[in-house]
Amino acid sequence: MAVIDLAPFNSILARLEGVADRLERGAAAAPAGSAQGSAASAPATPAAADDPAIVVAFDSFLQSKLQTVQAAAKDLGAEDVIESMGFLADGLGMLRELFLATASCKKPQDADWGKIFGPVMELGQKANKACDSRSDFFQNRKACAEALNVVMLVTSPGPAGHVQNVLETFDFHAIKVMQKKVDKETAWIKSLKEMLKDMKDWCNENCKMGPVWNAQGKAAMEYFTERPLGSGSAAPAAAPKAKGKGKGPAMPKGGLAPPSDEVKAKLRDSGGAPAPKAAGMSAVFEGITGFNTGGLKKVTDDMKTKNRPKDDVQPVVAAKKAPAPAPGRGNRKGPRGAPLKELQKDTNWVIENFEGETLKMEEATMQQLIVIINCRNITIQVTNKVKSICIDGCERVNLICQDVISAVELVNSDRCKVQTIGKIVAVAIDKCDGVNVILSKESLDAEITSSKSSEMNVTIPDPDGEDGDIIEMPIPEQFVTKVVGKKTKTEVSHIYSS
């Protein structure tokens, strides 16, 4: 006759005994006067015996931490703070309902969170709407409104990191509360901050990688449609008080006695109840254990590279040619349409969308300006005196110009050169990389203004050298700023002093 293994039953009974001990310790730790508090001071109902472990742990956290903050708020006696703490308590109650749901339903899809968190969003809007900037407790209310965001930790793969982010935004308002230097307000805000810090540690202990949902449970939207957050329908009903001290008899030493022959016969006749299907990580490990590797292909010795003959060379597979980038995509500078060269409004010469060409501009006059837009790899020579020249959105443009009355401007362009043969008075460089300005002897007094640019150089004739000798110098792009009295003093970095 087969002997029934009672080890699983002993393990289940031991776990139930542990749960009962924890519940009794939590009930003993609760303060005697907690039942007389307001509804806001009790965001969650007492844990039932069948609640998941995370709910039991969260109830214990609220009893020890939240009530301390609420007691500090009552001691402060400000109606604004007490009301804000009510909003926070309601939010934590909704978080408890979410933890309770993990045992009964699947993890919600990303698109479902918006509908599930509808009541949370309404509560947050209500808390923020109550923040009146004219009130003396405006920063207190804002601090509570920021703390309310911890409810969203169930959507994060790292809840502790989410709580840390909330704590950082909360700090902005908490510092302003402490700057008021009111003892009771300071005590309250410090207790609230301490609760958030402890909640971060609680997350690391109980849901470090996020809460575990029931993969075999009900669909999330179906569950939360029946039990929306804040409705209280997800909270377990209080169990009726039993007679006695509330603790059952201890397990016999050595476990339960073997069943009688009659019980064994009934179990054989009934065939036993099917074991419940594992969920979560248990199902994963069960699938790995039961996986049949007989159908997998084996690597034989002749397939191994080290055993191949030297003359057996695999053909080289030609790399696929990268597709040409679609026109107009990305941030690359250059042509974006058909080439255009025309005079607009009798004052603006527009040279646009040219590539790989050499242009000679002889039509412009000193009353007109020249605008070079979206060109690449071109050389433009301006032979006459003009009002101004602007290079915008170009790459590798070489400009050779005579006299310019106003200024030569380079905007959002890369690898461009400007060479002056005549006289210019100013050069402006904005959002450019790799600009080289070559000045003639007549233009040595020109002012060069740069912003948000890099790799800039200016080239001038060598006054001590022979004809044709030049000197190239970098245009500084790093500066050192110091505070002097009530002003700042900025100097060029020492790296340009050599």
Protein backbone atom coordinates (compact mmCIF):
# COMPACT_ATOMS: atom_id res chain seq x y z
CA MET A 1 0.00 0.00 0.00
CA ALA A 2 1.34 3.45 -1.00
CA VAL A 3 2.14 5.90 1.81
CA ILE A 4 0.95 9.49 1.40
CA ASP A 5 3.63 12.15 1.81
CA LEU A 6 2.42 14.66 4.42
CA ALA A 7 5.30 17.09 3.96
CA PRO A 8 3.28 19.49 1.73
CA PHE A 9 0.45 19.64 4.30
CA ASN A 10 2.87 20.34 7.12
CA SER A 11 4.46 23.15 5.08
CA ILE A 12 1.07 24.77 4.35
CA LEU A 13 0.06 24.63 8.01
CA ALA A 14 3.39 26.17 9.05
CA ARG A 15 2.85 29.08 6.63
CA LEU A 16 -0.68 29.68 7.91
CA GLU A 17 0.62 29.70 11.47
CA GLY A 18 3.23 32.32 10.48
CA VAL A 19 0.57 34.54 8.88
CA ALA A 20 -1.56 34.33 12.03
CA ASP A 21 1.43 35.36 14.18
CA ARG A 22 2.15 38.38 11.99
CA LEU A 23 -1.46 39.53 12.08
CA GLU A 24 -1.57 39.28 15.86
CA ARG A 25 1.68 41.22 16.20
CA GLY A 26 0.30 43.95 13.89
CA ALA A 27 -2.90 44.21 15.92
CA ALA A 28 -0.91 44.47 19.14
CA ALA A 29 1.31 47.21 17.67
CA ALA A 30 -1.65 49.42 16.73
CA PRO A 31 -2.32 52.27 19.21
CA ALA A 32 -5.39 51.84 21.38
CA GLY A 33 -6.96 55.13 20.31
CA SER A 34 -6.63 54.57 16.58
CA ALA A 35 -10.22 53.39 16.24
CA GLN A 36 -11.47 56.79 17.37
CA GLY A 37 -9.67 58.75 14.60
CA SER A 38 -11.32 60.28 11.57
CA ALA A 39 -11.92 58.43 8.33
CA ALA A 40 -8.90 60.10 6.79
CA SER A 41 -6.63 58.68 9.49
CA ALA A 42 -7.39 55.08 8.42
CA PRO A 43 -6.80 54.72 4.69
CA ALA A 44 -7.07 50.94 4.71
CA THR A 45 -9.17 48.37 6.48
CA PRO A 46 -7.47 45.84 8.74
CA ALA A 47 -5.74 43.03 6.89
CA ALA A 48 -7.73 39.84 6.44
CA ALA A 49 -6.20 36.42 6.90
CA ASP A 50 -6.18 35.74 3.14
CA ASP A 51 -4.57 39.06 2.14
CA PRO A 52 -1.31 38.78 0.18
CA ALA A 53 1.91 39.34 2.10
CA ILE A 54 2.55 42.72 0.44
CA VAL A 55 -0.79 44.06 1.74
CA VAL A 56 -0.03 42.85 5.27
CA ALA A 57 3.38 44.54 5.12
CA PHE A 58 1.89 47.76 3.73
CA ASP A 59 -0.76 47.89 6.48
CA SER A 60 1.97 47.54 9.07
CA PHE A 61 3.90 50.37 7.40
CA LEU A 62 0.87 52.69 7.42
CA GLN A 63 0.10 51.95 11.07
CA SER A 64 3.62 52.83 12.18
CA LYS A 65 4.42 55.73 9.79
CA LEU A 66 1.29 57.45 8.48
CA GLN A 67 -0.34 57.82 11.88
CA THR A 68 2.79 59.62 13.15
CA VAL A 69 2.49 62.20 10.36
CA GLN A 70 -1.25 62.62 10.96
CA ALA A 71 -0.65 63.13 14.68
CA ALA A 72 1.86 65.91 13.85
CA ALA A 73 -0.71 67.51 11.51
CA LYS A 74 -3.39 67.49 14.24
CA ASP A 75 -0.91 68.96 16.69
CA LEU A 76 -0.27 71.78 14.21
CA GLY A 77 -4.01 72.43 14.12
CA ALA A 78 -4.09 73.98 10.63
CA GLU A 79 -7.21 73.01 8.66
CA ASP A 80 -5.30 73.27 5.36
CA VAL A 81 -2.70 70.75 6.49
CA ILE A 82 -5.27 68.35 7.94
CA GLU A 83 -7.28 68.43 4.70
CA SER A 84 -4.13 67.84 2.63
CA MET A 85 -3.22 64.88 4.82
CA GLY A 86 -6.69 63.51 4.11
CA PHE A 87 -5.93 63.62 0.38
CA LEU A 88 -2.64 61.81 0.98
CA ALA A 89 -4.30 59.17 3.16
CA ASP A 90 -6.93 58.55 0.45
CA GLY A 91 -4.14 58.14 -2.11
CA LEU A 92 -2.31 55.61 0.05
CA GLY A 93 -5.59 53.77 0.48
CA MET A 94 -5.83 53.48 -3.31
CA LEU A 95 -2.24 52.19 -3.37
CA ARG A 96 -3.30 49.49 -0.89
CA GLU A 97 -6.15 48.51 -3.21
CA LEU A 98 -3.63 48.16 -6.05
CA PHE A 99 -1.45 45.89 -3.93
CA LEU A 100 -4.52 43.85 -3.03
CA ALA A 101 -5.38 43.50 -6.73
CA THR A 102 -2.03 41.89 -7.52
CA ALA A 103 -3.26 38.62 -6.01
CA SER A 104 -6.43 38.48 -8.12
CA CYS A 105 -5.71 39.93 -11.56
CA LYS A 106 -3.10 40.05 -14.30
CA LYS A 107 -0.72 42.93 -14.73
CA PRO A 108 -2.47 45.76 -16.61
CA GLN A 109 -1.39 46.64 -20.12
CA ASP A 110 0.34 49.99 -20.63
CA ALA A 111 -2.77 51.37 -22.34
CA ASP A 112 -4.96 50.38 -19.36
CA TRP A 113 -3.17 52.42 -16.70
CA GLY A 114 -4.80 55.68 -17.77
CA LYS A 115 -8.30 54.33 -17.08
CA ILE A 116 -7.26 52.51 -13.90
CA PHE A 117 -5.64 55.64 -12.46
CA GLY A 118 -8.65 57.83 -13.25
CA PRO A 119 -9.65 58.21 -9.57
CA VAL A 120 -6.02 58.90 -8.62
CA MET A 121 -5.81 61.67 -11.22
CA GLU A 122 -9.04 63.20 -9.94
CA LEU A 123 -7.67 63.11 -6.40
CA GLY A 124 -4.43 64.77 -7.52
CA GLN A 125 -6.34 67.51 -9.37
CA LYS A 126 -8.44 68.09 -6.28
CA ALA A 127 -5.33 68.34 -4.07
CA ASN A 128 -3.62 70.78 -6.46
CA LYS A 129 -6.76 72.86 -6.88
CA ALA A 130 -6.90 73.30 -3.12
CA CYS A 131 -3.43 74.93 -3.16
CA ASP A 132 -4.09 78.65 -2.76
CA SER A 133 -0.98 80.79 -3.25
CA ARG A 134 -2.50 83.42 -0.95
CA SER A 135 -2.64 80.99 1.96
CA ASP A 136 0.07 80.77 4.63
CA PHE A 137 0.05 77.00 4.13
CA PHE A 138 0.45 77.00 0.34
CA GLN A 139 3.82 75.21 0.46
CA ASN A 140 2.43 72.66 2.93
CA ARG A 141 -0.37 71.77 0.54
CA LYS A 142 2.06 71.57 -2.41
CA ALA A 143 4.29 69.21 -0.45
CA CYS A 144 1.35 66.85 0.20
CA ALA A 145 0.28 67.07 -3.45
CA GLU A 146 3.78 66.05 -4.55
CA ALA A 147 3.88 63.18 -2.02
CA LEU A 148 0.63 61.88 -3.52
CA ASN A 149 2.59 60.82 -6.64
CA VAL A 150 3.98 57.78 -4.79
CA VAL A 151 0.78 55.95 -5.79
CA MET A 152 2.24 55.58 -9.28
CA LEU A 153 5.06 53.34 -8.02
CA VAL A 154 3.17 50.21 -9.15
CA THR A 155 3.85 51.18 -12.79
CA SER A 156 7.61 51.45 -12.32
CA PRO A 157 10.06 48.53 -12.71
CA GLY A 158 11.98 50.08 -9.79
CA PRO A 159 9.51 51.45 -7.22
CA ALA A 160 12.28 52.65 -4.89
CA GLY A 161 13.67 54.85 -7.66
CA HIS A 162 10.20 56.30 -8.28
CA VAL A 163 9.82 57.16 -4.59
CA GLN A 164 13.26 58.82 -4.68
CA ASN A 165 12.12 61.01 -7.61
CA VAL A 166 9.00 61.99 -5.67
CA LEU A 167 11.16 62.78 -2.64
CA GLU A 168 13.35 65.13 -4.71
CA THR A 169 10.39 67.14 -6.03
CA PHE A 170 8.83 67.09 -2.55
CA ASP A 171 12.04 68.59 -1.09
CA PHE A 172 11.55 71.85 -3.01
CA HIS A 173 8.38 72.66 -1.04
CA ALA A 174 9.59 71.02 2.19
CA ILE A 175 12.58 73.38 2.36
CA LYS A 176 10.27 76.39 2.02
CA VAL A 177 8.12 75.08 4.87
CA MET A 178 11.16 74.64 7.12
CA GLN A 179 12.40 78.14 6.24
CA LYS A 180 9.35 79.54 8.04
CA LYS A 181 10.94 78.24 11.28
CA VAL A 182 7.64 77.33 12.94
CA ASP A 183 8.36 74.44 15.28
CA LYS A 184 5.13 72.49 14.74
CA GLU A 185 5.24 72.94 10.97
CA THR A 186 8.87 71.82 10.92
CA ALA A 187 8.04 68.74 13.00
CA TRP A 188 5.19 67.85 10.65
CA ILE A 189 7.17 68.27 7.41
CA LYS A 190 10.12 66.32 8.83
CA SER A 191 7.84 63.42 9.81
CA LEU A 192 6.31 63.41 6.31
CA LYS A 193 9.75 63.40 4.71
CA GLU A 194 10.84 60.60 7.02
CA MET A 195 7.81 58.57 5.95
CA LEU A 196 8.77 58.93 2.26
CA LYS A 197 12.35 57.87 3.03
CA ASP A 198 11.08 54.82 4.93
CA MET A 199 8.74 54.04 2.04
CA LYS A 200 11.74 53.85 -0.27
CA ASP A 201 13.32 51.26 2.05
CA TRP A 202 9.98 49.46 2.28
CA CYS A 203 9.88 49.16 -1.52
CA ASN A 204 13.39 47.68 -1.58
CA GLU A 205 12.29 45.03 0.92
CA ASN A 206 8.84 44.15 -0.45
CA CYS A 207 8.69 45.02 -4.18
CA LYS A 208 12.21 45.81 -5.36
CA MET A 209 11.44 44.94 -9.00
CA GLY A 210 7.79 45.96 -8.83
CA PRO A 211 4.77 44.10 -7.44
CA VAL A 212 4.18 40.56 -8.75
CA TRP A 213 0.79 40.14 -10.43
CA ASN A 214 -1.20 36.94 -10.82
CA ALA A 215 -0.58 35.66 -14.35
CA GLN A 216 -3.55 33.27 -14.05
CA GLY A 217 -5.89 35.88 -12.61
CA LYS A 218 -8.68 37.98 -14.04
CA ALA A 219 -8.05 40.58 -16.76
CA ALA A 220 -7.00 43.88 -15.18
CA MET A 221 -9.65 46.05 -16.85
CA GLU A 222 -12.41 43.62 -15.90
CA TYR A 223 -11.20 43.58 -12.29
CA PHE A 224 -10.92 47.38 -11.93
CA THR A 225 -14.22 47.95 -13.74
CA GLU A 226 -15.90 45.97 -10.97
CA ARG A 227 -13.72 47.48 -8.23
CA PRO A 228 -12.59 51.00 -9.23
CA LEU A 229 -9.95 52.60 -7.05
CA GLY A 230 -11.35 54.51 -4.10
CA SER A 231 -14.67 52.64 -4.10
CA GLY A 232 -13.63 50.49 -1.14
CA SER A 233 -15.04 47.37 -2.81
CA ALA A 234 -11.56 45.89 -3.10
CA ALA A 235 -11.00 46.06 0.65
CA PRO A 236 -11.67 42.82 2.54
CA ALA A 237 -14.58 42.72 4.94
CA ALA A 238 -13.71 42.51 8.63
CA ALA A 239 -13.91 38.94 9.86
CA PRO A 240 -16.32 38.25 12.76
CA LYS A 241 -14.60 38.06 16.10
CA ALA A 242 -14.16 34.48 17.22
CA LYS A 243 -14.35 33.20 20.77
CA GLY A 244 -11.23 32.58 22.76
CA LYS A 245 -7.83 34.22 22.47
CA GLY A 246 -7.74 34.02 18.68
CA LYS A 247 -4.87 31.54 18.39
CA GLY A 248 -5.44 27.93 17.39
CA PRO A 249 -3.65 24.92 18.88
CA ALA A 250 0.03 24.58 18.07
CA MET A 251 1.14 21.97 15.51
CA PRO A 252 1.98 18.63 17.14
CA LYS A 253 5.66 17.94 17.52
CA GLY A 254 6.88 15.87 14.59
CA GLY A 255 3.99 16.93 12.33
CA LEU A 256 0.56 15.38 11.76
CA ALA A 257 -0.08 11.71 12.34
CA PRO A 258 -0.44 9.49 9.26
CA PRO A 259 -4.05 9.12 8.05
CA SER A 260 -6.05 6.02 8.85
CA ASP A 261 -6.67 3.20 6.37
CA GLU A 262 -10.20 4.50 5.78
CA VAL A 263 -8.94 7.96 4.79
CA LYS A 264 -6.33 6.43 2.50
CA ALA A 265 -9.02 4.37 0.76
CA LYS A 266 -11.18 7.46 0.17
CA LEU A 267 -8.21 9.35 -1.27
CA ARG A 268 -7.45 6.48 -3.65
CA ASP A 269 -11.08 6.30 -4.79
CA SER A 270 -11.34 10.06 -5.40
CA GLY A 271 -8.00 10.20 -7.20
CA GLY A 272 -7.04 13.36 -5.29
CA ALA A 273 -7.77 16.92 -6.28
CA PRO A 274 -5.63 18.32 -9.11
CA ALA A 275 -2.80 20.52 -7.93
CA PRO A 276 -3.31 24.20 -8.67
CA LYS A 277 -1.39 25.51 -11.66
CA ALA A 278 1.67 27.49 -10.68
CA ALA A 279 1.74 31.20 -11.44
CA GLY A 280 4.44 33.81 -11.80
CA MET A 281 8.07 32.69 -11.55
CA SER A 282 6.97 29.25 -10.33
CA ALA A 283 5.39 28.64 -13.73
CA VAL A 284 8.60 29.74 -15.45
CA PHE A 285 10.79 27.34 -13.47
CA GLU A 286 8.24 24.55 -13.90
CA GLY A 287 8.36 25.08 -17.68
CA ILE A 288 12.16 24.98 -17.67
CA THR A 289 12.23 21.79 -15.60
CA GLY A 290 9.77 20.01 -17.85
CA PHE A 291 11.33 21.16 -21.13
CA ASN A 292 12.27 18.28 -23.46
CA THR A 293 15.64 18.83 -25.13
CA GLY A 294 15.39 15.73 -27.29
CA GLY A 295 14.26 17.73 -30.32
CA LEU A 296 17.21 20.11 -30.29
CA LYS A 297 19.89 19.80 -32.97
CA LYS A 298 23.29 18.55 -31.88
CA VAL A 299 26.61 20.00 -33.03
CA THR A 300 28.71 17.14 -34.35
CA ASP A 301 32.51 17.18 -34.53
CA ASP A 302 32.60 17.82 -38.29
CA MET A 303 30.53 21.03 -37.75
CA LYS A 304 33.09 22.54 -35.38
CA THR A 305 35.38 25.17 -36.90
CA LYS A 306 38.53 23.73 -35.33
CA ASN A 307 37.96 20.39 -37.12
CA ARG A 308 37.46 21.82 -40.63
CA PRO A 309 40.22 21.33 -43.23
CA LYS A 310 42.32 24.39 -44.05
CA ASP A 311 41.13 24.50 -47.68
CA ASP A 312 37.50 24.61 -46.56
CA VAL A 313 37.05 28.37 -46.57
CA GLN A 314 33.63 29.86 -46.19
CA PRO A 315 32.69 32.35 -48.92
CA VAL A 316 32.79 35.97 -47.85
CA VAL A 317 29.32 37.43 -47.74
CA ALA A 318 29.27 40.87 -49.31
CA ALA A 319 27.96 43.50 -46.99
CA LYS A 320 24.68 45.02 -48.01
CA LYS A 321 24.95 48.54 -49.30
CA ALA A 322 23.40 50.97 -46.90
CA PRO A 323 20.30 52.60 -48.34
CA ALA A 324 20.71 56.20 -49.36
CA PRO A 325 19.21 58.60 -46.84
CA ALA A 326 15.85 59.99 -47.83
CA PRO A 327 15.97 63.63 -48.91
CA GLY A 328 14.93 66.16 -46.31
CA ARG A 329 15.38 63.77 -43.40
CA GLY A 330 17.59 64.33 -40.36
CA ASN A 331 19.50 67.47 -39.49
CA ARG A 332 22.06 67.36 -42.31
CA LYS A 333 22.69 70.74 -43.84
CA GLY A 334 22.55 71.31 -47.61
CA PRO A 335 20.13 71.53 -50.53
CA ARG A 336 16.45 70.93 -49.90
CA GLY A 337 15.04 71.69 -53.29
CA ALA A 338 15.85 73.06 -56.74
CA PRO A 339 18.74 75.58 -57.09
CA LEU A 340 17.65 79.21 -56.98
CA LYS A 341 19.44 82.48 -57.67
CA GLU A 342 17.26 85.57 -57.87
CA LEU A 343 16.80 89.13 -56.68
CA GLN A 344 13.85 89.54 -54.32
CA LYS A 345 12.24 92.90 -53.45
CA ASP A 346 15.07 94.68 -55.29
CA THR A 347 17.25 94.41 -52.18
CA ASN A 348 17.89 90.72 -51.38
CA TRP A 349 19.97 88.42 -53.58
CA VAL A 350 19.01 84.82 -52.65
CA ILE A 351 21.39 81.95 -53.53
CA GLU A 352 19.76 78.70 -52.43
CA ASN A 353 20.14 74.90 -52.80
CA PHE A 354 23.41 74.85 -54.80
CA GLU A 355 25.88 71.97 -54.46
CA GLY A 356 29.33 71.34 -55.90
CA GLU A 357 29.49 74.52 -58.00
CA THR A 358 31.56 77.70 -58.28
CA LEU A 359 29.52 80.90 -58.50
CA LYS A 360 30.58 84.44 -59.29
CA MET A 361 28.32 87.21 -57.99
CA GLU A 362 28.78 90.36 -60.10
CA GLU A 363 25.23 91.74 -60.11
CA ALA A 364 24.97 92.85 -56.48
CA THR A 365 25.36 96.53 -55.51
CA MET A 366 26.17 98.33 -52.27
CA GLN A 367 22.43 98.85 -51.57
CA GLN A 368 21.77 95.09 -51.66
CA LEU A 369 22.50 92.17 -49.36
CA ILE A 370 23.34 88.56 -50.26
CA VAL A 371 21.74 85.57 -48.52
CA ILE A 372 23.26 82.10 -49.07
CA ILE A 373 20.88 79.36 -47.87
CA ASN A 374 21.06 75.52 -47.78
CA CYS A 375 24.14 75.15 -49.96
CA ARG A 376 26.88 72.52 -49.78
CA ASN A 377 30.42 72.31 -51.11
CA ILE A 378 30.36 75.49 -53.20
CA THR A 379 32.62 78.50 -53.71
CA ILE A 380 31.06 81.96 -54.10
CA GLN A 381 33.03 85.05 -55.12
CA VAL A 382 31.44 88.46 -54.59
CA THR A 383 33.23 90.99 -56.75
CA ASN A 384 31.41 94.20 -55.78
CA LYS A 385 30.93 96.17 -52.59
CA VAL A 386 27.70 95.03 -50.91
CA LYS A 387 25.64 95.93 -47.85
CA SER A 388 25.91 92.58 -46.00
CA ILE A 389 26.33 88.83 -46.56
CA CYS A 390 24.57 86.04 -44.62
CA ILE A 391 25.34 82.28 -44.78
CA ASP A 392 22.55 80.16 -43.23
CA GLY A 393 22.13 76.37 -43.00
CA CYS A 394 25.13 75.59 -45.21
CA GLU A 395 28.03 73.15 -45.20
CA ARG A 396 31.52 73.56 -46.70
CA VAL A 397 30.86 76.94 -48.29
CA ASN A 398 33.85 79.09 -49.28
CA LEU A 399 33.09 82.81 -49.51
CA ILE A 400 35.46 85.31 -51.11
CA CYS A 401 34.23 88.87 -50.76
CA GLN A 402 35.28 92.46 -51.39
CA ASP A 403 34.11 95.34 -49.21
CA VAL A 404 31.12 94.72 -46.92
CA ILE A 405 29.47 97.75 -45.34
CA SER A 406 27.59 96.07 -42.47
CA ALA A 407 28.71 92.54 -41.50
CA VAL A 408 29.28 88.99 -42.66
CA GLU A 409 27.04 86.59 -40.73
CA LEU A 410 27.26 82.80 -40.41
CA VAL A 411 24.29 81.02 -38.81
CA ASN A 412 23.79 77.28 -38.24
CA SER A 413 26.53 76.33 -40.71
CA ASP A 414 29.50 73.91 -40.60
CA ARG A 415 32.98 73.83 -42.14
CA CYS A 416 32.72 77.22 -43.82
CA LYS A 417 35.47 79.70 -44.80
CA VAL A 418 35.19 83.46 -45.23
CA GLN A 419 38.06 85.27 -47.01
CA THR A 420 38.09 89.03 -47.30
CA ILE A 421 40.01 90.78 -50.08
CA GLY A 422 38.64 94.24 -49.28
CA LYS A 423 37.51 95.72 -45.98
CA ILE A 424 34.87 94.41 -43.58
CA VAL A 425 34.00 95.79 -40.14
CA ALA A 426 32.27 92.85 -38.41
CA VAL A 427 31.84 89.08 -38.52
CA ALA A 428 29.04 87.35 -36.56
CA ILE A 429 29.15 83.57 -35.94
CA ASP A 430 26.16 81.79 -34.34
CA LYS A 431 25.62 78.03 -33.86
CA CYS A 432 28.43 77.06 -36.21
CA ASP A 433 31.23 74.47 -36.16
CA GLY A 434 34.54 74.62 -37.99
CA VAL A 435 34.56 78.27 -39.19
CA ASN A 436 37.75 79.88 -40.56
CA VAL A 437 37.83 83.64 -41.08
CA ILE A 438 40.70 84.91 -43.28
CA LEU A 439 41.20 88.67 -42.90
CA SER A 440 43.06 91.01 -45.24
CA LYS A 441 45.32 93.82 -44.00
CA GLU A 442 42.45 96.29 -44.45
CA SER A 443 40.15 94.17 -42.23
CA LEU A 444 42.42 93.62 -39.23
CA ASP A 445 40.23 95.97 -37.13
CA ALA A 446 37.08 93.90 -37.75
CA GLU A 447 35.12 92.69 -34.71
CA ILE A 448 34.35 88.96 -34.52
CA THR A 449 31.31 88.03 -32.40
CA SER A 450 30.62 84.34 -31.69
CA SER A 451 28.00 82.41 -29.71
CA LYS A 452 27.21 78.71 -29.31
CA SER A 453 29.98 77.84 -31.79
CA SER A 454 33.13 75.70 -31.78
CA GLU A 455 36.33 75.02 -33.74
CA MET A 456 36.69 78.62 -34.90
CA ASN A 457 39.92 80.15 -36.23
CA VAL A 458 40.99 83.51 -37.60
CA THR A 459 43.84 83.86 -40.10
CA ILE A 460 45.75 87.14 -40.60
CA PRO A 461 48.82 88.21 -42.57
CA ASP A 462 52.08 87.88 -40.62
CA PRO A 463 53.27 91.47 -40.00
CA ASP A 464 56.86 90.29 -39.42
CA GLY A 465 57.03 87.76 -42.20
CA GLU A 466 57.41 87.89 -45.92
CA ASP A 467 54.58 88.62 -48.29
CA GLY A 468 52.18 85.69 -48.21
CA ASP A 469 53.06 84.49 -44.71
CA ILE A 470 50.04 84.04 -42.44
CA ILE A 471 49.24 83.43 -38.77
CA GLU A 472 46.31 81.23 -37.70
CA MET A 473 44.85 81.77 -34.23
CA PRO A 474 41.96 80.08 -32.42
CA ILE A 475 38.89 82.06 -31.45
CA PRO A 476 38.21 81.30 -27.75
CA GLU A 477 35.19 79.19 -26.91
CA GLN A 478 35.95 78.53 -23.24
CA PHE A 479 35.68 81.23 -20.57
CA VAL A 480 36.12 81.58 -16.82
CA THR A 481 33.60 83.64 -14.85
CA LYS A 482 34.12 84.94 -11.31
CA VAL A 483 31.81 86.84 -8.98
CA VAL A 484 33.31 90.19 -8.01
CA GLY A 485 31.13 92.03 -5.52
CA LYS A 486 27.71 92.36 -7.10
CA LYS A 487 28.94 91.71 -10.64
CA THR A 488 30.50 88.90 -12.62
CA LYS A 489 33.87 89.09 -14.31
CA THR A 490 34.52 86.85 -17.32
CA GLU A 491 37.93 86.16 -18.82
CA VAL A 492 39.23 83.90 -21.56
CA SER A 493 40.41 80.52 -20.28
CA HIS A 494 44.14 80.11 -19.69
CA ILE A 495 44.33 77.39 -22.38
CA TYR A 496 44.40 80.19 -24.98
CA SER A 497 47.24 82.11 -23.35
CA SER A 498 50.05 80.14 -25.02
